PDB file of all heavy atoms in Angstrom:
ATOM      1  N   ASN A   1      22.972  -8.289  27.079  1.00  0.00           N
ATOM      2  CA  ASN A   1      23.365  -7.825  25.755  1.00  0.00           C
ATOM      3  C   ASN A   1      22.503  -6.617  25.370  1.00  0.00           C
ATOM      4  O   ASN A   1      22.609  -5.567  25.978  1.00  0.00           O
ATOM      5  CB  ASN A   1      23.258  -8.962  24.749  1.00  0.00           C
ATOM      6  CG  ASN A   1      24.218 -10.103  25.051  1.00  0.00           C
ATOM      7  OD1 ASN A   1      25.388  -9.878  25.358  1.00  0.00           O
ATOM      8  ND2 ASN A   1      23.736 -11.333  24.965  1.00  0.00           N
ATOM      9  N   VAL A   2      21.652  -6.778  24.376  1.00  0.00           N
ATOM     10  CA  VAL A   2      20.785  -5.690  23.950  1.00  0.00           C
ATOM     11  C   VAL A   2      19.652  -5.496  24.950  1.00  0.00           C
ATOM     12  O   VAL A   2      19.095  -6.464  25.468  1.00  0.00           O
ATOM     13  CB  VAL A   2      20.222  -5.960  22.545  1.00  0.00           C
ATOM     14  CG1 VAL A   2      19.212  -4.887  22.147  1.00  0.00           C
ATOM     15  CG2 VAL A   2      21.343  -6.014  21.526  1.00  0.00           C
ATOM     16  N   MET A   3      19.305  -4.250  25.223  1.00  0.00           N
ATOM     17  CA  MET A   3      18.140  -3.884  26.006  1.00  0.00           C
ATOM     18  C   MET A   3      17.271  -2.986  25.135  1.00  0.00           C
ATOM     19  O   MET A   3      17.797  -2.194  24.351  1.00  0.00           O
ATOM     20  CB  MET A   3      18.529  -3.146  27.288  1.00  0.00           C
ATOM     21  CG  MET A   3      19.570  -3.859  28.123  1.00  0.00           C
ATOM     22  SD  MET A   3      19.969  -2.988  29.664  1.00  0.00           S
ATOM     23  CE  MET A   3      18.532  -3.417  30.660  1.00  0.00           C
ATOM     24  N   GLY A   4      15.958  -3.118  25.278  1.00  0.00           N
ATOM     25  CA  GLY A   4      15.103  -2.309  24.431  1.00  0.00           C
ATOM     26  C   GLY A   4      13.700  -2.147  24.969  1.00  0.00           C
ATOM     27  O   GLY A   4      13.324  -2.724  25.989  1.00  0.00           O
ATOM     28  N   TRP A   5      12.951  -1.326  24.254  1.00  0.00           N
ATOM     29  CA  TRP A   5      11.559  -1.067  24.555  1.00  0.00           C
ATOM     30  C   TRP A   5      10.711  -1.336  23.324  1.00  0.00           C
ATOM     31  O   TRP A   5      11.037  -0.890  22.217  1.00  0.00           O
ATOM     32  CB  TRP A   5      11.346   0.380  25.000  1.00  0.00           C
ATOM     33  CG  TRP A   5      11.932   0.694  26.338  1.00  0.00           C
ATOM     34  CD1 TRP A   5      13.162   1.200  26.608  1.00  0.00           C
ATOM     35  CD2 TRP A   5      11.295   0.500  27.602  1.00  0.00           C
ATOM     36  NE1 TRP A   5      13.344   1.356  27.959  1.00  0.00           N
ATOM     37  CE2 TRP A   5      12.209   0.927  28.598  1.00  0.00           C
ATOM     38  CE3 TRP A   5      10.050   0.022  27.999  1.00  0.00           C
ATOM     39  CZ2 TRP A   5      11.905   0.883  29.956  1.00  0.00           C
ATOM     40  CZ3 TRP A   5       9.750  -0.027  29.347  1.00  0.00           C
ATOM     41  CH2 TRP A   5      10.667   0.401  30.303  1.00  0.00           C
ATOM     42  N   TYR A   6       9.639  -2.068  23.526  1.00  0.00           N
ATOM     43  CA  TYR A   6       8.620  -2.292  22.517  1.00  0.00           C
ATOM     44  C   TYR A   6       7.321  -1.681  23.003  1.00  0.00           C
ATOM     45  O   TYR A   6       7.162  -1.382  24.188  1.00  0.00           O
ATOM     46  CB  TYR A   6       8.420  -3.787  22.262  1.00  0.00           C
ATOM     47  CG  TYR A   6       9.579  -4.471  21.566  1.00  0.00           C
ATOM     48  CD1 TYR A   6      10.774  -4.712  22.232  1.00  0.00           C
ATOM     49  CD2 TYR A   6       9.467  -4.892  20.243  1.00  0.00           C
ATOM     50  CE1 TYR A   6      11.837  -5.346  21.601  1.00  0.00           C
ATOM     51  CE2 TYR A   6      10.515  -5.532  19.602  1.00  0.00           C
ATOM     52  CZ  TYR A   6      11.696  -5.756  20.297  1.00  0.00           C
ATOM     53  OH  TYR A   6      12.735  -6.397  19.657  1.00  0.00           O
ATOM     54  N   ARG A   7       6.387  -1.501  22.089  1.00  0.00           N
ATOM     55  CA  ARG A   7       5.073  -1.018  22.493  1.00  0.00           C
ATOM     56  C   ARG A   7       3.997  -1.685  21.660  1.00  0.00           C
ATOM     57  O   ARG A   7       4.236  -2.104  20.531  1.00  0.00           O
ATOM     58  CB  ARG A   7       4.967   0.503  22.379  1.00  0.00           C
ATOM     59  CG  ARG A   7       4.994   1.049  20.955  1.00  0.00           C
ATOM     60  CD  ARG A   7       5.022   2.571  20.986  1.00  0.00           C
ATOM     61  NE  ARG A   7       5.028   3.139  19.648  1.00  0.00           N
ATOM     62  CZ  ARG A   7       5.184   4.434  19.384  1.00  0.00           C
ATOM     63  NH1 ARG A   7       5.351   5.295  20.384  1.00  0.00           N
ATOM     64  NH2 ARG A   7       5.172   4.869  18.132  1.00  0.00           N
ATOM     65  N   GLN A   8       2.819  -1.775  22.238  1.00  0.00           N
ATOM     66  CA  GLN A   8       1.674  -2.342  21.555  1.00  0.00           C
ATOM     67  C   GLN A   8       0.461  -1.461  21.830  1.00  0.00           C
ATOM     68  O   GLN A   8       0.007  -1.361  22.968  1.00  0.00           O
ATOM     69  CB  GLN A   8       1.406  -3.777  21.998  1.00  0.00           C
ATOM     70  CG  GLN A   8       0.329  -4.464  21.190  1.00  0.00           C
ATOM     71  CD  GLN A   8       0.309  -5.970  21.407  1.00  0.00           C
ATOM     72  OE1 GLN A   8       0.833  -6.468  22.403  1.00  0.00           O
ATOM     73  NE2 GLN A   8      -0.271  -6.693  20.476  1.00  0.00           N
ATOM     74  N   ALA A   9      -0.033  -0.828  20.782  1.00  0.00           N
ATOM     75  CA  ALA A   9      -1.217   0.004  20.874  1.00  0.00           C
ATOM     76  C   ALA A   9      -2.458  -0.854  20.682  1.00  0.00           C
ATOM     77  O   ALA A   9      -2.386  -1.945  20.103  1.00  0.00           O
ATOM     78  CB  ALA A   9      -1.165   1.111  19.830  1.00  0.00           C
ATOM     79  N   PRO A  10      -3.608  -0.377  21.143  1.00  0.00           N
ATOM     80  CA  PRO A  10      -4.839  -1.153  20.972  1.00  0.00           C
ATOM     81  C   PRO A  10      -5.107  -1.494  19.509  1.00  0.00           C
ATOM     82  O   PRO A  10      -5.081  -0.619  18.645  1.00  0.00           O
ATOM     83  CB  PRO A  10      -5.919  -0.224  21.527  1.00  0.00           C
ATOM     84  CG  PRO A  10      -5.197   0.637  22.511  1.00  0.00           C
ATOM     85  CD  PRO A  10      -3.837   0.850  21.915  1.00  0.00           C
ATOM     86  N   GLY A  11      -5.335  -2.768  19.251  1.00  0.00           N
ATOM     87  CA  GLY A  11      -5.636  -3.216  17.907  1.00  0.00           C
ATOM     88  C   GLY A  11      -4.450  -3.312  16.971  1.00  0.00           C
ATOM     89  O   GLY A  11      -4.636  -3.587  15.780  1.00  0.00           O
ATOM     90  N   LYS A  12      -3.249  -3.085  17.474  1.00  0.00           N
ATOM     91  CA  LYS A  12      -2.060  -3.123  16.641  1.00  0.00           C
ATOM     92  C   LYS A  12      -1.077  -4.171  17.148  1.00  0.00           C
ATOM     93  O   LYS A  12      -1.177  -4.640  18.279  1.00  0.00           O
ATOM     94  CB  LYS A  12      -1.381  -1.752  16.602  1.00  0.00           C
ATOM     95  CG  LYS A  12      -2.220  -0.646  15.983  1.00  0.00           C
ATOM     96  CD  LYS A  12      -1.449   0.650  15.906  1.00  0.00           C
ATOM     97  CE  LYS A  12      -2.261   1.748  15.260  1.00  0.00           C
ATOM     98  NZ  LYS A  12      -1.493   3.022  15.189  1.00  0.00           N
ATOM     99  N   GLU A  13      -0.127  -4.520  16.291  1.00  0.00           N
ATOM    100  CA  GLU A  13       0.908  -5.460  16.670  1.00  0.00           C
ATOM    101  C   GLU A  13       2.007  -4.761  17.467  1.00  0.00           C
ATOM    102  O   GLU A  13       2.201  -3.550  17.367  1.00  0.00           O
ATOM    103  CB  GLU A  13       1.508  -6.126  15.430  1.00  0.00           C
ATOM    104  CG  GLU A  13       0.533  -7.007  14.661  1.00  0.00           C
ATOM    105  CD  GLU A  13       1.193  -7.728  13.507  1.00  0.00           C
ATOM    106  OE1 GLU A  13       2.349  -7.423  13.192  1.00  0.00           O
ATOM    107  OE2 GLU A  13       0.538  -8.612  12.919  1.00  0.00           O
ATOM    108  N   ARG A  14       2.714  -5.553  18.237  1.00  0.00           N
ATOM    109  CA  ARG A  14       3.836  -5.026  18.999  1.00  0.00           C
ATOM    110  C   ARG A  14       4.942  -4.568  18.060  1.00  0.00           C
ATOM    111  O   ARG A  14       5.261  -5.239  17.074  1.00  0.00           O
ATOM    112  CB  ARG A  14       4.358  -6.099  19.956  1.00  0.00           C
ATOM    113  CG  ARG A  14       5.467  -5.638  20.888  1.00  0.00           C
ATOM    114  CD  ARG A  14       5.803  -6.725  21.884  1.00  0.00           C
ATOM    115  NE  ARG A  14       6.202  -7.960  21.220  1.00  0.00           N
ATOM    116  CZ  ARG A  14       6.383  -9.122  21.827  1.00  0.00           C
ATOM    117  NH1 ARG A  14       6.198  -9.210  23.145  1.00  0.00           N
ATOM    118  NH2 ARG A  14       6.744 -10.187  21.143  1.00  0.00           N
ATOM    119  N   GLU A  15       5.536  -3.427  18.364  1.00  0.00           N
ATOM    120  CA  GLU A  15       6.586  -2.886  17.527  1.00  0.00           C
ATOM    121  C   GLU A  15       7.764  -2.426  18.367  1.00  0.00           C
ATOM    122  O   GLU A  15       7.606  -2.017  19.520  1.00  0.00           O
ATOM    123  CB  GLU A  15       6.063  -1.714  16.688  1.00  0.00           C
ATOM    124  CG  GLU A  15       5.626  -0.514  17.517  1.00  0.00           C
ATOM    125  CD  GLU A  15       5.215   0.676  16.663  1.00  0.00           C
ATOM    126  OE1 GLU A  15       5.392   0.624  15.438  1.00  0.00           O
ATOM    127  OE2 GLU A  15       4.709   1.671  17.242  1.00  0.00           O
ATOM    128  N   LEU A  16       8.929  -2.474  17.770  1.00  0.00           N
ATOM    129  CA  LEU A  16      10.136  -1.994  18.431  1.00  0.00           C
ATOM    130  C   LEU A  16      10.132  -0.471  18.460  1.00  0.00           C
ATOM    131  O   LEU A  16       9.921   0.178  17.436  1.00  0.00           O
ATOM    132  CB  LEU A  16      11.379  -2.493  17.709  1.00  0.00           C
ATOM    133  CG  LEU A  16      12.721  -1.970  18.221  1.00  0.00           C
ATOM    134  CD1 LEU A  16      12.995  -2.494  19.628  1.00  0.00           C
ATOM    135  CD2 LEU A  16      13.848  -2.358  17.282  1.00  0.00           C
ATOM    136  N   VAL A  17      10.380   0.085  19.629  1.00  0.00           N
ATOM    137  CA  VAL A  17      10.480   1.529  19.793  1.00  0.00           C
ATOM    138  C   VAL A  17      11.938   1.963  19.771  1.00  0.00           C
ATOM    139  O   VAL A  17      12.326   2.870  19.027  1.00  0.00           O
ATOM    140  CB  VAL A  17       9.815   1.991  21.100  1.00  0.00           C
ATOM    141  CG1 VAL A  17       9.979   3.498  21.286  1.00  0.00           C
ATOM    142  CG2 VAL A  17       8.342   1.608  21.103  1.00  0.00           C
ATOM    143  N   ALA A  18      12.747   1.340  20.601  1.00  0.00           N
ATOM    144  CA  ALA A  18      14.157   1.685  20.698  1.00  0.00           C
ATOM    145  C   ALA A  18      14.918   0.522  21.302  1.00  0.00           C
ATOM    146  O   ALA A  18      14.371  -0.251  22.077  1.00  0.00           O
ATOM    147  CB  ALA A  18      14.366   2.953  21.538  1.00  0.00           C
ATOM    148  N   ALA A  19      16.182   0.414  20.946  1.00  0.00           N
ATOM    149  CA  ALA A  19      17.050  -0.607  21.501  1.00  0.00           C
ATOM    150  C   ALA A  19      18.441  -0.027  21.679  1.00  0.00           C
ATOM    151  O   ALA A  19      18.819   0.923  20.985  1.00  0.00           O
ATOM    152  CB  ALA A  19      17.099  -1.842  20.600  1.00  0.00           C
ATOM    153  N   ILE A  20      19.185  -0.614  22.597  1.00  0.00           N
ATOM    154  CA  ILE A  20      20.532  -0.131  22.871  1.00  0.00           C
ATOM    155  C   ILE A  20      21.431  -1.322  23.154  1.00  0.00           C
ATOM    156  O   ILE A  20      21.075  -2.231  23.901  1.00  0.00           O
ATOM    157  CB  ILE A  20      20.527   0.891  24.034  1.00  0.00           C
ATOM    158  CG1 ILE A  20      21.911   1.517  24.211  1.00  0.00           C
ATOM    159  CG2 ILE A  20      20.018   0.260  25.325  1.00  0.00           C
ATOM    160  CD1 ILE A  20      21.884   2.747  25.112  1.00  0.00           C
ATOM    161  N   THR A  21      22.603  -1.325  22.548  1.00  0.00           N
ATOM    162  CA  THR A  21      23.530  -2.429  22.694  1.00  0.00           C
ATOM    163  C   THR A  21      24.307  -2.311  23.997  1.00  0.00           C
ATOM    164  O   THR A  21      24.229  -1.316  24.713  1.00  0.00           O
ATOM    165  CB  THR A  21      24.511  -2.478  21.520  1.00  0.00           C
ATOM    166  OG1 THR A  21      25.365  -1.325  21.573  1.00  0.00           O
ATOM    167  CG2 THR A  21      23.774  -2.492  20.189  1.00  0.00           C
ATOM    168  N   SER A  22      25.082  -3.339  24.289  1.00  0.00           N
ATOM    169  CA  SER A  22      25.916  -3.311  25.482  1.00  0.00           C
ATOM    170  C   SER A  22      26.961  -2.209  25.420  1.00  0.00           C
ATOM    171  O   SER A  22      27.436  -1.754  26.461  1.00  0.00           O
ATOM    172  CB  SER A  22      26.601  -4.665  25.690  1.00  0.00           C
ATOM    173  OG  SER A  22      27.422  -4.995  24.580  1.00  0.00           O
ATOM    174  N   GLY A  23      27.300  -1.781  24.219  1.00  0.00           N
ATOM    175  CA  GLY A  23      28.214  -0.672  24.032  1.00  0.00           C
ATOM    176  C   GLY A  23      27.530   0.673  23.929  1.00  0.00           C
ATOM    177  O   GLY A  23      28.170   1.651  23.535  1.00  0.00           O
ATOM    178  N   SER A  24      26.235   0.714  24.240  1.00  0.00           N
ATOM    179  CA  SER A  24      25.428   1.939  24.275  1.00  0.00           C
ATOM    180  C   SER A  24      25.201   2.536  22.896  1.00  0.00           C
ATOM    181  O   SER A  24      25.057   3.753  22.750  1.00  0.00           O
ATOM    182  CB  SER A  24      26.053   2.981  25.208  1.00  0.00           C
ATOM    183  OG  SER A  24      26.071   2.515  26.541  1.00  0.00           O
ATOM    184  N   SER A  25      25.136   1.694  21.878  1.00  0.00           N
ATOM    185  CA  SER A  25      24.777   2.143  20.543  1.00  0.00           C
ATOM    186  C   SER A  25      23.266   2.024  20.380  1.00  0.00           C
ATOM    187  O   SER A  25      22.728   0.916  20.456  1.00  0.00           O
ATOM    188  CB  SER A  25      25.489   1.318  19.482  1.00  0.00           C
ATOM    189  OG  SER A  25      25.122   1.733  18.185  1.00  0.00           O
ATOM    190  N   PRO A  26      22.555   3.146  20.151  1.00  0.00           N
ATOM    191  CA  PRO A  26      21.086   3.107  20.108  1.00  0.00           C
ATOM    192  C   PRO A  26      20.522   2.988  18.700  1.00  0.00           C
ATOM    193  O   PRO A  26      21.156   3.378  17.715  1.00  0.00           O
ATOM    194  CB  PRO A  26      20.700   4.455  20.719  1.00  0.00           C
ATOM    195  CG  PRO A  26      21.785   5.377  20.233  1.00  0.00           C
ATOM    196  CD  PRO A  26      23.043   4.545  20.174  1.00  0.00           C
ATOM    197  N   ASN A  27      19.315   2.462  18.636  1.00  0.00           N
ATOM    198  CA  ASN A  27      18.524   2.443  17.420  1.00  0.00           C
ATOM    199  C   ASN A  27      17.094   2.821  17.770  1.00  0.00           C
ATOM    200  O   ASN A  27      16.590   2.438  18.827  1.00  0.00           O
ATOM    201  CB  ASN A  27      18.555   1.069  16.750  1.00  0.00           C
ATOM    202  CG  ASN A  27      19.883   0.766  16.102  1.00  0.00           C
ATOM    203  OD1 ASN A  27      20.223   1.334  15.078  1.00  0.00           O
ATOM    204  ND2 ASN A  27      20.646  -0.135  16.708  1.00  0.00           N
ATOM    205  N   TYR A  28      16.434   3.556  16.865  1.00  0.00           N
ATOM    206  CA  TYR A  28      15.091   4.048  17.126  1.00  0.00           C
ATOM    207  C   TYR A  28      14.168   3.775  15.953  1.00  0.00           C
ATOM    208  O   TYR A  28      14.594   3.776  14.794  1.00  0.00           O
ATOM    209  CB  TYR A  28      15.094   5.556  17.381  1.00  0.00           C
ATOM    210  CG  TYR A  28      15.912   5.988  18.564  1.00  0.00           C
ATOM    211  CD1 TYR A  28      17.217   6.425  18.409  1.00  0.00           C
ATOM    212  CD2 TYR A  28      15.368   5.969  19.844  1.00  0.00           C
ATOM    213  CE1 TYR A  28      17.971   6.829  19.493  1.00  0.00           C
ATOM    214  CE2 TYR A  28      16.111   6.370  20.940  1.00  0.00           C
ATOM    215  CZ  TYR A  28      17.418   6.801  20.757  1.00  0.00           C
ATOM    216  OH  TYR A  28      18.155   7.202  21.847  1.00  0.00           O
ATOM    217  N   ALA A  29      12.899   3.572  16.274  1.00  0.00           N
ATOM    218  CA  ALA A  29      11.888   3.567  15.239  1.00  0.00           C
ATOM    219  C   ALA A  29      11.778   4.966  14.646  1.00  0.00           C
ATOM    220  O   ALA A  29      11.969   5.969  15.343  1.00  0.00           O
ATOM    221  CB  ALA A  29      10.544   3.129  15.802  1.00  0.00           C
ATOM    222  N   ASP A  30      11.474   5.038  13.357  1.00  0.00           N
ATOM    223  CA  ASP A  30      11.374   6.339  12.704  1.00  0.00           C
ATOM    224  C   ASP A  30      10.352   7.251  13.381  1.00  0.00           C
ATOM    225  O   ASP A  30      10.534   8.468  13.420  1.00  0.00           O
ATOM    226  CB  ASP A  30      11.011   6.162  11.234  1.00  0.00           C
ATOM    227  CG  ASP A  30      12.151   5.589  10.412  1.00  0.00           C
ATOM    228  OD1 ASP A  30      13.313   5.675  10.857  1.00  0.00           O
ATOM    229  OD2 ASP A  30      11.879   5.062   9.315  1.00  0.00           O
ATOM    230  N   SER A  31       9.304   6.672  13.915  1.00  0.00           N
ATOM    231  CA  SER A  31       8.229   7.451  14.496  1.00  0.00           C
ATOM    232  C   SER A  31       8.629   8.183  15.781  1.00  0.00           C
ATOM    233  O   SER A  31       7.934   9.109  16.198  1.00  0.00           O
ATOM    234  CB  SER A  31       7.020   6.561  14.781  1.00  0.00           C
ATOM    235  OG  SER A  31       7.359   5.515  15.673  1.00  0.00           O
TER     236      SER A  31
END
């Protein structure tokens, strides 16, 4: 289904970077 990338910087919580649906609809973090 959905595939995505998260990231975790030192001392910070894991956050969503980008995700893409099975229909190739993407979503991105504002940063």
